[in-house]
Structure formats: structure tokens, C-alpha cells
Amino acid sequence: MGDHLSTEQVGWILDKSAGSIREMIQSGEIEAVRLPAGYRVPRAEVLRLARDRIERESDRRVSDRQLERLIDQVIATNTARTQGT
């Protein structure tokens, strides 16, 4: 996982659209940086959001290392799917 993720990548992790992620950023629910190419969400914020989702949905605690592996898998799977491989 890089230092910042795109709204599309965060959407994959949270099971939301990139548009929903942008709305959450604009409303202040998600911390992000605005760049000419769009918003980027810092790694620490992505870990927080992923941890919140996992703990809420499964009542399970996970380490940062486990979260990073899960996030990397989600991104790799969805990237491959969108690239048609």
C-alpha cells in the first residue's frame, strides 16, 4: 500500500463508489489531500477506515500488518479486474 490511495481504491476497500468517497471527503468524514488529479487519502486514514469497517462488521481486531495485506489484496484484485486481466 502506498502513502496515499485514490478515491477509487478507498471505495474498493469500503465497498462504496469513488463518488461516495469524494462526498465523504467533502463532508469531512474522511481526511484527504486535494491534488490536480483528484483527492488522495493518506495511508493512516485508510488504515483507520478499514479497521473501523472490519471491527464493525466482524467484531474482530486486526493489526496494521494484517490490514495492509488485506488492503493490498483488495487493490490488486480490483486493479486486475478493471484492467481485464
C-alpha atoms as a PDB file:
ATOM      1  CA  MET A   1       0.000   0.000   0.000  1.00  0.00           C
ATOM      2  CA  GLY A   2       1.365   3.402  -0.949  1.00  0.00           C
ATOM      3  CA  ASP A   3       1.459   6.562   1.140  1.00  0.00           C
ATOM      4  CA  HIS A   4      -1.815   7.783  -0.412  1.00  0.00           C
ATOM      5  CA  LEU A   5      -4.689   5.991  -2.142  1.00  0.00           C
ATOM      6  CA  SER A   6      -7.144   7.249  -4.754  1.00  0.00           C
ATOM      7  CA  THR A   7     -10.860   7.628  -4.091  1.00  0.00           C
ATOM      8  CA  GLU A   8     -11.437   4.599  -6.332  1.00  0.00           C
ATOM      9  CA  GLN A   9      -9.076   2.449  -4.255  1.00  0.00           C
ATOM     10  CA  VAL A  10     -10.637   3.608  -0.981  1.00  0.00           C
ATOM     11  CA  GLY A  11     -14.039   2.836  -2.473  1.00  0.00           C
ATOM     12  CA  TRP A  12     -12.931  -0.731  -3.177  1.00  0.00           C
ATOM     13  CA  ILE A  13     -11.850  -1.101   0.446  1.00  0.00           C
ATOM     14  CA  LEU A  14     -15.049   0.382   1.904  1.00  0.00           C
ATOM     15  CA  ASP A  15     -17.379  -1.133  -0.729  1.00  0.00           C
ATOM     16  CA  LYS A  16     -18.516   2.305  -1.898  1.00  0.00           C
ATOM     17  CA  SER A  17     -18.260   4.215  -5.159  1.00  0.00           C
ATOM     18  CA  ALA A  18     -15.489   6.736  -5.795  1.00  0.00           C
ATOM     19  CA  GLY A  19     -18.224   9.393  -5.880  1.00  0.00           C
ATOM     20  CA  SER A  20     -19.401   8.396  -2.401  1.00  0.00           C
ATOM     21  CA  ILE A  21     -15.825   8.601  -1.141  1.00  0.00           C
ATOM     22  CA  ARG A  22     -15.484  12.127  -2.611  1.00  0.00           C
ATOM     23  CA  GLU A  23     -18.719  13.131  -0.861  1.00  0.00           C
ATOM     24  CA  MET A  24     -17.394  11.735   2.426  1.00  0.00           C
ATOM     25  CA  ILE A  25     -14.186  13.725   1.941  1.00  0.00           C
ATOM     26  CA  GLN A  26     -16.097  16.920   1.194  1.00  0.00           C
ATOM     27  CA  SER A  27     -18.301  16.431   4.270  1.00  0.00           C
ATOM     28  CA  GLY A  28     -15.225  15.902   6.485  1.00  0.00           C
ATOM     29  CA  GLU A  29     -15.836  12.214   7.247  1.00  0.00           C
ATOM     30  CA  ILE A  30     -12.589  11.230   5.501  1.00  0.00           C
ATOM     31  CA  GLU A  31      -9.308  13.143   5.636  1.00  0.00           C
ATOM     32  CA  ALA A  32      -7.738  13.652   2.214  1.00  0.00           C
ATOM     33  CA  VAL A  33      -5.381  15.810   0.185  1.00  0.00           C
ATOM     34  CA  ARG A  34      -6.649  17.631  -2.902  1.00  0.00           C
ATOM     35  CA  LEU A  35      -4.361  17.331  -5.938  1.00  0.00           C
ATOM     36  CA  PRO A  36      -4.909  18.448  -9.548  1.00  0.00           C
ATOM     37  CA  ALA A  37      -5.646  14.811 -10.460  1.00  0.00           C
ATOM     38  CA  GLY A  38      -8.187  14.420  -7.631  1.00  0.00           C
ATOM     39  CA  TYR A  39      -8.259  13.536  -3.961  1.00  0.00           C
ATOM     40  CA  ARG A  40      -5.732  11.230  -2.313  1.00  0.00           C
ATOM     41  CA  VAL A  41      -6.343   9.637   1.080  1.00  0.00           C
ATOM     42  CA  PRO A  42      -3.351   9.210   3.426  1.00  0.00           C
ATOM     43  CA  ARG A  43      -2.303   5.696   4.404  1.00  0.00           C
ATOM     44  CA  ALA A  44      -3.071   6.279   8.106  1.00  0.00           C
ATOM     45  CA  GLU A  45      -6.614   7.368   7.251  1.00  0.00           C
ATOM     46  CA  VAL A  46      -7.138   4.299   5.044  1.00  0.00           C
ATOM     47  CA  LEU A  47      -5.964   2.045   7.876  1.00  0.00           C
ATOM     48  CA  ARG A  48      -8.377   3.780  10.275  1.00  0.00           C
ATOM     49  CA  LEU A  49     -11.299   3.416   7.880  1.00  0.00           C
ATOM     50  CA  ALA A  50     -10.517  -0.239   7.109  1.00  0.00           C
ATOM     51  CA  ARG A  51     -10.102  -1.068  10.789  1.00  0.00           C
ATOM     52  CA  ASP A  52     -13.417   0.624  11.631  1.00  0.00           C
ATOM     53  CA  ARG A  53     -15.190  -1.353   8.907  1.00  0.00           C
ATOM     54  CA  ILE A  54     -13.713  -4.718   9.882  1.00  0.00           C
ATOM     55  CA  GLU A  55     -14.328  -4.229  13.591  1.00  0.00           C
ATOM     56  CA  ARG A  56     -17.891  -3.023  12.981  1.00  0.00           C
ATOM     57  CA  GLU A  57     -18.817  -5.812  10.574  1.00  0.00           C
ATOM     58  CA  SER A  58     -16.969  -8.775  12.087  1.00  0.00           C
ATOM     59  CA  ASP A  59     -16.311  -7.741  15.685  1.00  0.00           C
ATOM     60  CA  ARG A  60     -12.698  -8.774  15.067  1.00  0.00           C
ATOM     61  CA  ARG A  61      -9.498  -6.882  15.816  1.00  0.00           C
ATOM     62  CA  VAL A  62      -6.673  -6.797  13.263  1.00  0.00           C
ATOM     63  CA  SER A  63      -3.122  -5.479  13.273  1.00  0.00           C
ATOM     64  CA  ASP A  64      -1.812  -2.812  10.901  1.00  0.00           C
ATOM     65  CA  ARG A  65       0.192  -5.502   9.121  1.00  0.00           C
ATOM     66  CA  GLN A  66      -2.920  -7.645   8.572  1.00  0.00           C
ATOM     67  CA  LEU A  67      -4.841  -4.595   7.365  1.00  0.00           C
ATOM     68  CA  GLU A  68      -2.116  -3.660   4.919  1.00  0.00           C
ATOM     69  CA  ARG A  69      -2.114  -7.187   3.477  1.00  0.00           C
ATOM     70  CA  LEU A  70      -5.900  -7.172   3.118  1.00  0.00           C
ATOM     71  CA  ILE A  71      -5.835  -3.727   1.506  1.00  0.00           C
ATOM     72  CA  ASP A  72      -3.072  -4.792  -0.909  1.00  0.00           C
ATOM     73  CA  GLN A  73      -5.136  -7.860  -1.879  1.00  0.00           C
ATOM     74  CA  VAL A  74      -8.291  -5.799  -2.459  1.00  0.00           C
ATOM     75  CA  ILE A  75      -6.399  -3.285  -4.595  1.00  0.00           C
ATOM     76  CA  ALA A  76      -4.596  -5.983  -6.621  1.00  0.00           C
ATOM     77  CA  THR A  77      -7.818  -7.912  -7.245  1.00  0.00           C
ATOM     78  CA  ASN A  78      -9.784  -4.849  -8.317  1.00  0.00           C
ATOM     79  CA  THR A  79      -6.948  -3.449 -10.410  1.00  0.00           C
ATOM     80  CA  ALA A  80      -6.700  -6.736 -12.301  1.00  0.00           C
ATOM     81  CA  ARG A  81     -10.470  -6.789 -12.741  1.00  0.00           C
ATOM     82  CA  THR A  82     -10.619  -3.232 -14.126  1.00  0.00           C
ATOM     83  CA  GLN A  83      -7.680  -3.893 -16.458  1.00  0.00           C
ATOM     84  CA  GLY A  84      -9.361  -7.029 -17.769  1.00  0.00           C
ATOM     85  CA  THR A  85      -6.654  -9.464 -16.755  1.00  0.00           C
END
